[in-house]
């Protein structure tokens, strides 16, 4: 029964993946307005729906002992699989959302966004088919499904790291830019004061420059 439910979840996840792929790699993101908002909300909803299917699928696999290769105890398996699934889902969603973004992002983000939203779901669906079907799982070496899973986990972690680095880097650039603008403005005011002092006739209008002389 669990196997049947798991395979149904795989079919549902596959259809959701087709919908997500069509959205991401179809006509591209709309330029703006309500269409752009609907586009990004569509990506988020697709990813959430796929995440729910994969979470239920992971529970079904664990129920049949399909995660025994991850850790020896059920609690450790739950922690490892749950945290890994969250990392994979986050990395995949971020890459999907930034696929058509043309902002000042680093080259790693641009590269990962091109293929991560396509590769990760495919690998997970492939591994899930093996893991949920006990007869197939016992017939193939562990490396056939474990290595691809670890690979997409590493790829997702790399994606999250690249986005975090880009975010902090852009924030630091903005702070530096603001400081430079404040310094330039202060320098311009200072120079203007010097010009005003230089042009002032102290015999006729000395009072107007006394307030400025404390900064010269």
C-alpha atoms as a PDB file:
ATOM      1  CA  UNK A   1       0.000   0.000   0.000  1.00  0.00           C
ATOM      2  CA  UNK A   2       2.803   2.404   0.923  1.00  0.00           C
ATOM      3  CA  UNK A   3       4.516   1.617  -2.374  1.00  0.00           C
ATOM      4  CA  UNK A   4       1.364   2.436  -4.317  1.00  0.00           C
ATOM      5  CA  UNK A   5       0.935   5.736  -2.474  1.00  0.00           C
ATOM      6  CA  UNK A   6       4.588   6.563  -3.075  1.00  0.00           C
ATOM      7  CA  UNK A   7       4.328   5.894  -6.795  1.00  0.00           C
ATOM      8  CA  UNK A   8       1.191   8.034  -7.005  1.00  0.00           C
ATOM      9  CA  UNK A   9       3.111  10.852  -5.319  1.00  0.00           C
ATOM     10  CA  UNK A  10       5.907  10.426  -7.865  1.00  0.00           C
ATOM     11  CA  UNK A  11       3.409  10.754 -10.724  1.00  0.00           C
ATOM     12  CA  UNK A  12       1.907  13.892  -9.156  1.00  0.00           C
ATOM     13  CA  UNK A  13       5.370  15.359  -8.577  1.00  0.00           C
ATOM     14  CA  UNK A  14       6.295  14.558 -12.188  1.00  0.00           C
ATOM     15  CA  UNK A  15       3.285  16.484 -13.516  1.00  0.00           C
ATOM     16  CA  UNK A  16       4.093  19.393 -11.230  1.00  0.00           C
ATOM     17  CA  UNK A  17       7.680  19.298 -12.459  1.00  0.00           C
ATOM     18  CA  UNK A  18       6.471  19.443 -16.070  1.00  0.00           C
ATOM     19  CA  UNK A  19       4.346  22.466 -15.197  1.00  0.00           C
ATOM     20  CA  UNK A  20       7.258  24.151 -13.431  1.00  0.00           C
ATOM     21  CA  UNK A  21       9.653  23.424 -16.293  1.00  0.00           C
ATOM     22  CA  UNK A  22       7.177  24.777 -18.844  1.00  0.00           C
ATOM     23  CA  UNK A  23       6.810  27.951 -16.792  1.00  0.00           C
ATOM     24  CA  UNK A  24      10.544  28.430 -16.301  1.00  0.00           C
ATOM     25  CA  UNK A  25      11.858  27.492 -19.724  1.00  0.00           C
ATOM     26  CA  UNK A  26       8.842  28.471 -21.833  1.00  0.00           C
ATOM     27  CA  UNK A  27       8.209  32.038 -22.912  1.00  0.00           C
ATOM     28  CA  UNK A  28      10.235  33.516 -20.076  1.00  0.00           C
ATOM     29  CA  UNK A  29       9.308  35.953 -17.335  1.00  0.00           C
ATOM     30  CA  UNK A  30       6.895  38.795 -18.193  1.00  0.00           C
ATOM     31  CA  UNK A  31       8.348  42.279 -18.191  1.00  0.00           C
ATOM     32  CA  UNK A  32       6.313  43.585 -15.288  1.00  0.00           C
ATOM     33  CA  UNK A  33       2.880  44.295 -13.877  1.00  0.00           C
ATOM     34  CA  UNK A  34       0.361  41.694 -12.754  1.00  0.00           C
ATOM     35  CA  UNK A  35       1.714  39.154 -15.243  1.00  0.00           C
ATOM     36  CA  UNK A  36       5.149  39.243 -13.606  1.00  0.00           C
ATOM     37  CA  UNK A  37       3.636  38.892 -10.134  1.00  0.00           C
ATOM     38  CA  UNK A  38       1.565  35.902 -11.282  1.00  0.00           C
ATOM     39  CA  UNK A  39       4.639  34.361 -12.898  1.00  0.00           C
ATOM     40  CA  UNK A  40       6.720  34.454  -9.721  1.00  0.00           C
ATOM     41  CA  UNK A  41       3.812  33.333  -7.558  1.00  0.00           C
ATOM     42  CA  UNK A  42       3.350  30.428  -9.963  1.00  0.00           C
ATOM     43  CA  UNK A  43       6.986  29.380  -9.475  1.00  0.00           C
ATOM     44  CA  UNK A  44       6.624  29.581  -5.698  1.00  0.00           C
ATOM     45  CA  UNK A  45       3.399  27.543  -5.692  1.00  0.00           C
ATOM     46  CA  UNK A  46       4.863  24.890  -8.008  1.00  0.00           C
ATOM     47  CA  UNK A  47       7.918  24.549  -5.777  1.00  0.00           C
ATOM     48  CA  UNK A  48       5.814  24.322  -2.626  1.00  0.00           C
ATOM     49  CA  UNK A  49       3.584  21.668  -4.183  1.00  0.00           C
ATOM     50  CA  UNK A  50       6.604  19.638  -5.302  1.00  0.00           C
ATOM     51  CA  UNK A  51       8.136  20.023  -1.840  1.00  0.00           C
ATOM     52  CA  UNK A  52       4.963  18.671  -0.216  1.00  0.00           C
ATOM     53  CA  UNK A  53       4.945  15.671  -2.578  1.00  0.00           C
ATOM     54  CA  UNK A  54       8.617  14.979  -1.909  1.00  0.00           C
ATOM     55  CA  UNK A  55       8.134  15.309   1.860  1.00  0.00           C
ATOM     56  CA  UNK A  56       5.281  12.800   1.823  1.00  0.00           C
ATOM     57  CA  UNK A  57       7.332  10.602  -0.468  1.00  0.00           C
ATOM     58  CA  UNK A  58      10.298  10.788   1.905  1.00  0.00           C
ATOM     59  CA  UNK A  59       8.044   9.673   4.758  1.00  0.00           C
ATOM     60  CA  UNK A  60       6.790   6.761   2.655  1.00  0.00           C
ATOM     61  CA  UNK A  61      10.345   5.760   1.782  1.00  0.00           C
ATOM     62  CA  UNK A  62      11.395   5.947   5.428  1.00  0.00           C
ATOM     63  CA  UNK A  63       8.413   3.821   6.419  1.00  0.00           C
ATOM     64  CA  UNK A  64       9.816   1.051   4.217  1.00  0.00           C
ATOM     65  CA  UNK A  65      13.366   1.448   5.468  1.00  0.00           C
ATOM     66  CA  UNK A  66      14.570   3.185   2.347  1.00  0.00           C
ATOM     67  CA  UNK A  67      16.701   5.640   4.325  1.00  0.00           C
ATOM     68  CA  UNK A  68      18.646   3.042   6.270  1.00  0.00           C
ATOM     69  CA  UNK A  69      21.739   3.883   4.238  1.00  0.00           C
ATOM     70  CA  UNK A  70      21.627   7.467   5.539  1.00  0.00           C
ATOM     71  CA  UNK A  71      21.819   6.729   9.265  1.00  0.00           C
ATOM     72  CA  UNK A  72      21.297   3.826  11.645  1.00  0.00           C
ATOM     73  CA  UNK A  73      18.453   5.334  13.735  1.00  0.00           C
ATOM     74  CA  UNK A  74      15.080   6.691  12.615  1.00  0.00           C
ATOM     75  CA  UNK A  75      15.592   9.992  14.442  1.00  0.00           C
ATOM     76  CA  UNK A  76      18.928  10.594  12.718  1.00  0.00           C
ATOM     77  CA  UNK A  77      17.370   9.671   9.379  1.00  0.00           C
ATOM     78  CA  UNK A  78      14.553  12.133   9.982  1.00  0.00           C
ATOM     79  CA  UNK A  79      17.003  14.949  10.767  1.00  0.00           C
ATOM     80  CA  UNK A  80      19.270  14.201   7.812  1.00  0.00           C
ATOM     81  CA  UNK A  81      16.509  13.707   5.260  1.00  0.00           C
ATOM     82  CA  UNK A  82      14.389  16.604   6.530  1.00  0.00           C
ATOM     83  CA  UNK A  83      17.236  19.118   6.581  1.00  0.00           C
ATOM     84  CA  UNK A  84      18.557  17.896   3.222  1.00  0.00           C
ATOM     85  CA  UNK A  85      15.128  18.230   1.648  1.00  0.00           C
ATOM     86  CA  UNK A  86      14.796  21.793   2.937  1.00  0.00           C
ATOM     87  CA  UNK A  87      18.232  22.725   1.547  1.00  0.00           C
ATOM     88  CA  UNK A  88      17.458  21.148  -1.820  1.00  0.00           C
ATOM     89  CA  UNK A  89      14.046  22.822  -2.026  1.00  0.00           C
ATOM     90  CA  UNK A  90      15.482  26.226  -1.124  1.00  0.00           C
ATOM     91  CA  UNK A  91      18.348  25.983  -3.597  1.00  0.00           C
ATOM     92  CA  UNK A  92      16.069  24.824  -6.388  1.00  0.00           C
ATOM     93  CA  UNK A  93      13.479  27.544  -5.694  1.00  0.00           C
ATOM     94  CA  UNK A  94      16.085  30.328  -5.591  1.00  0.00           C
ATOM     95  CA  UNK A  95      17.598  29.250  -8.899  1.00  0.00           C
ATOM     96  CA  UNK A  96      14.149  29.085 -10.468  1.00  0.00           C
ATOM     97  CA  UNK A  97      13.167  32.538  -9.238  1.00  0.00           C
ATOM     98  CA  UNK A  98      16.377  34.111 -10.547  1.00  0.00           C
ATOM     99  CA  UNK A  99      16.474  32.266 -13.875  1.00  0.00           C
ATOM    100  CA  UNK A 100      15.313  35.301 -15.869  1.00  0.00           C
ATOM    101  CA  UNK A 101      16.686  38.006 -13.584  1.00  0.00           C
ATOM    102  CA  UNK A 102      19.107  40.401 -15.274  1.00  0.00           C
ATOM    103  CA  UNK A 103      20.349  42.240 -12.216  1.00  0.00           C
ATOM    104  CA  UNK A 104      23.979  42.576 -11.075  1.00  0.00           C
ATOM    105  CA  UNK A 105      24.309  38.971  -9.898  1.00  0.00           C
ATOM    106  CA  UNK A 106      27.574  37.032  -9.881  1.00  0.00           C
ATOM    107  CA  UNK A 107      28.464  34.527 -12.589  1.00  0.00           C
ATOM    108  CA  UNK A 108      27.945  31.501 -10.319  1.00  0.00           C
ATOM    109  CA  UNK A 109      24.288  32.431  -9.805  1.00  0.00           C
ATOM    110  CA  UNK A 110      23.761  32.988 -13.522  1.00  0.00           C
ATOM    111  CA  UNK A 111      25.296  29.596 -14.324  1.00  0.00           C
ATOM    112  CA  UNK A 112      23.450  27.625 -11.639  1.00  0.00           C
ATOM    113  CA  UNK A 113      20.097  29.219 -12.464  1.00  0.00           C
ATOM    114  CA  UNK A 114      20.307  27.900 -16.007  1.00  0.00           C
ATOM    115  CA  UNK A 115      20.241  24.199 -15.133  1.00  0.00           C
ATOM    116  CA  UNK A 116      19.623  23.611 -11.401  1.00  0.00           C
ATOM    117  CA  UNK A 117      15.780  23.928 -11.621  1.00  0.00           C
ATOM    118  CA  UNK A 118      15.841  21.254 -14.315  1.00  0.00           C
ATOM    119  CA  UNK A 119      18.438  18.840 -12.937  1.00  0.00           C
ATOM    120  CA  UNK A 120      17.480  18.641  -9.252  1.00  0.00           C
ATOM    121  CA  UNK A 121      13.829  17.525  -9.679  1.00  0.00           C
ATOM    122  CA  UNK A 122      14.831  14.989 -12.331  1.00  0.00           C
ATOM    123  CA  UNK A 123      17.461  13.442 -10.064  1.00  0.00           C
ATOM    124  CA  UNK A 124      15.088  13.334  -7.103  1.00  0.00           C
ATOM    125  CA  UNK A 125      12.343  11.701  -9.157  1.00  0.00           C
ATOM    126  CA  UNK A 126      14.826   9.143 -10.467  1.00  0.00           C
ATOM    127  CA  UNK A 127      16.086   8.335  -6.960  1.00  0.00           C
ATOM    128  CA  UNK A 128      12.544   8.244  -5.557  1.00  0.00           C
ATOM    129  CA  UNK A 129      11.446   5.627  -8.087  1.00  0.00           C
ATOM    130  CA  UNK A 130      14.246   3.371  -6.892  1.00  0.00           C
ATOM    131  CA  UNK A 131      13.812   4.053  -3.187  1.00  0.00           C
ATOM    132  CA  UNK A 132      10.030   3.637  -2.985  1.00  0.00           C
ATOM    133  CA  UNK A 133      10.031   0.353  -4.899  1.00  0.00           C
ATOM    134  CA  UNK A 134      11.756  -2.133  -2.614  1.00  0.00           C
ATOM    135  CA  UNK A 135      12.380  -4.693  -5.344  1.00  0.00           C
ATOM    136  CA  UNK A 136      14.243  -2.142  -7.452  1.00  0.00           C
ATOM    137  CA  UNK A 137      16.104  -0.739  -4.442  1.00  0.00           C
ATOM    138  CA  UNK A 138      17.443  -4.160  -3.493  1.00  0.00           C
ATOM    139  CA  UNK A 139      18.430  -4.935  -7.082  1.00  0.00           C
ATOM    140  CA  UNK A 140      20.712  -1.918  -7.610  1.00  0.00           C
ATOM    141  CA  UNK A 141      23.838  -0.793  -5.739  1.00  0.00           C
ATOM    142  CA  UNK A 142      23.392   1.973  -3.171  1.00  0.00           C
ATOM    143  CA  UNK A 143      25.706   4.226  -5.172  1.00  0.00           C
ATOM    144  CA  UNK A 144      23.183   4.361  -8.026  1.00  0.00           C
ATOM    145  CA  UNK A 145      20.807   6.525  -5.983  1.00  0.00           C
ATOM    146  CA  UNK A 146      22.906   7.767  -3.051  1.00  0.00           C
ATOM    147  CA  UNK A 147      25.555   9.592  -5.078  1.00  0.00           C
ATOM    148  CA  UNK A 148      23.062  11.549  -7.200  1.00  0.00           C
ATOM    149  CA  UNK A 149      21.203  12.576  -4.025  1.00  0.00           C
ATOM    150  CA  UNK A 150      24.414  13.757  -2.339  1.00  0.00           C
ATOM    151  CA  UNK A 151      25.340  15.562  -5.565  1.00  0.00           C
ATOM    152  CA  UNK A 152      22.093  17.542  -5.755  1.00  0.00           C
ATOM    153  CA  UNK A 153      22.406  18.323  -2.038  1.00  0.00           C
ATOM    154  CA  UNK A 154      25.873  19.758  -2.626  1.00  0.00           C
ATOM    155  CA  UNK A 155      24.611  21.635  -5.673  1.00  0.00           C
ATOM    156  CA  UNK A 156      21.747  23.119  -3.656  1.00  0.00           C
ATOM    157  CA  UNK A 157      24.076  24.140  -0.833  1.00  0.00           C
ATOM    158  CA  UNK A 158      26.362  25.782  -3.396  1.00  0.00           C
ATOM    159  CA  UNK A 159      23.381  27.660  -4.848  1.00  0.00           C
ATOM    160  CA  UNK A 160      22.303  28.942  -1.431  1.00  0.00           C
ATOM    161  CA  UNK A 161      25.889  29.944  -0.650  1.00  0.00           C
ATOM    162  CA  UNK A 162      26.197  31.807  -3.946  1.00  0.00           C
ATOM    163  CA  UNK A 163      22.968  33.709  -3.318  1.00  0.00           C
ATOM    164  CA  UNK A 164      23.982  34.539   0.260  1.00  0.00           C
ATOM    165  CA  UNK A 165      27.380  35.793  -0.914  1.00  0.00           C
ATOM    166  CA  UNK A 166      25.716  37.863  -3.631  1.00  0.00           C
ATOM    167  CA  UNK A 167      23.265  39.352  -1.129  1.00  0.00           C
ATOM    168  CA  UNK A 168      25.936  40.353   1.398  1.00  0.00           C
ATOM    169  CA  UNK A 169      28.259  41.566  -1.367  1.00  0.00           C
ATOM    170  CA  UNK A 170      25.552  43.781  -2.849  1.00  0.00           C
ATOM    171  CA  UNK A 171      24.664  45.078   0.613  1.00  0.00           C
ATOM    172  CA  UNK A 172      28.310  45.954   1.269  1.00  0.00           C
ATOM    173  CA  UNK A 173      28.526  47.722  -2.102  1.00  0.00           C
ATOM    174  CA  UNK A 174      25.407  49.758  -1.299  1.00  0.00           C
ATOM    175  CA  UNK A 175      26.822  50.765   2.099  1.00  0.00           C
ATOM    176  CA  UNK A 176      30.123  51.776   0.497  1.00  0.00           C
ATOM    177  CA  UNK A 177      28.257  53.738  -2.168  1.00  0.00           C
ATOM    178  CA  UNK A 178      26.226  55.615   0.459  1.00  0.00           C
ATOM    179  CA  UNK A 179      29.355  56.472   2.464  1.00  0.00           C
ATOM    180  CA  UNK A 180      31.074  57.751  -0.691  1.00  0.00           C
ATOM    181  CA  UNK A 181      28.043  59.883  -1.566  1.00  0.00           C
ATOM    182  CA  UNK A 182      27.975  61.373   1.939  1.00  0.00           C
ATOM    183  CA  UNK A 183      31.711  62.126   1.770  1.00  0.00           C
ATOM    184  CA  UNK A 184      31.345  63.712  -1.663  1.00  0.00           C
ATOM    185  CA  UNK A 185      28.434  65.840  -0.451  1.00  0.00           C
ATOM    186  CA  UNK A 186      30.377  66.966   2.630  1.00  0.00           C
ATOM    187  CA  UNK A 187      33.404  67.770   0.469  1.00  0.00           C
ATOM    188  CA  UNK A 188      31.249  69.769  -1.965  1.00  0.00           C
ATOM    189  CA  UNK A 189      29.737  71.782   0.915  1.00  0.00           C
ATOM    190  CA  UNK A 190      33.201  72.381   2.337  1.00  0.00           C
ATOM    191  CA  UNK A 191      34.521  73.618  -1.005  1.00  0.00           C
ATOM    192  CA  UNK A 192      31.503  75.855  -1.460  1.00  0.00           C
ATOM    193  CA  UNK A 193      32.165  77.402   1.936  1.00  0.00           C
ATOM    194  CA  UNK A 194      35.763  78.075   0.914  1.00  0.00           C
ATOM    195  CA  UNK A 195      34.553  79.730  -2.277  1.00  0.00           C
ATOM    196  CA  UNK A 196      32.104  81.895  -0.329  1.00  0.00           C
ATOM    197  CA  UNK A 197      34.841  82.935   2.091  1.00  0.00           C
ATOM    198  CA  UNK A 198      37.218  83.694  -0.774  1.00  0.00           C
ATOM    199  CA  UNK A 199      34.637  85.863  -2.536  1.00  0.00           C
ATOM    200  CA  UNK A 200      33.505  87.742   0.552  1.00  0.00           C
ATOM    201  CA  UNK A 201      34.563  91.361   1.154  1.00  0.00           C
ATOM    202  CA  UNK A 202      35.460  91.333   4.837  1.00  0.00           C
ATOM    203  CA  UNK A 203      35.155  95.138   5.061  1.00  0.00           C
ATOM    204  CA  UNK A 204      31.557  95.126   3.884  1.00  0.00           C
ATOM    205  CA  UNK A 205      30.068  91.766   4.870  1.00  0.00           C
ATOM    206  CA  UNK A 206      32.363  90.003   7.329  1.00  0.00           C
ATOM    207  CA  UNK A 207      29.498  88.802   9.554  1.00  0.00           C
ATOM    208  CA  UNK A 208      28.205  86.458   6.840  1.00  0.00           C
ATOM    209  CA  UNK A 209      31.409  84.407   6.824  1.00  0.00           C
ATOM    210  CA  UNK A 210      32.085  84.200  10.551  1.00  0.00           C
ATOM    211  CA  UNK A 211      29.764  81.197  10.834  1.00  0.00           C
ATOM    212  CA  UNK A 212      31.828  79.414   8.177  1.00  0.00           C
ATOM    213  CA  UNK A 213      35.318  80.052   9.523  1.00  0.00           C
ATOM    214  CA  UNK A 214      35.134  77.301  12.156  1.00  0.00           C
ATOM    215  CA  UNK A 215      35.211  74.585   9.456  1.00  0.00           C
ATOM    216  CA  UNK A 216      38.030  76.011   7.358  1.00  0.00           C
END
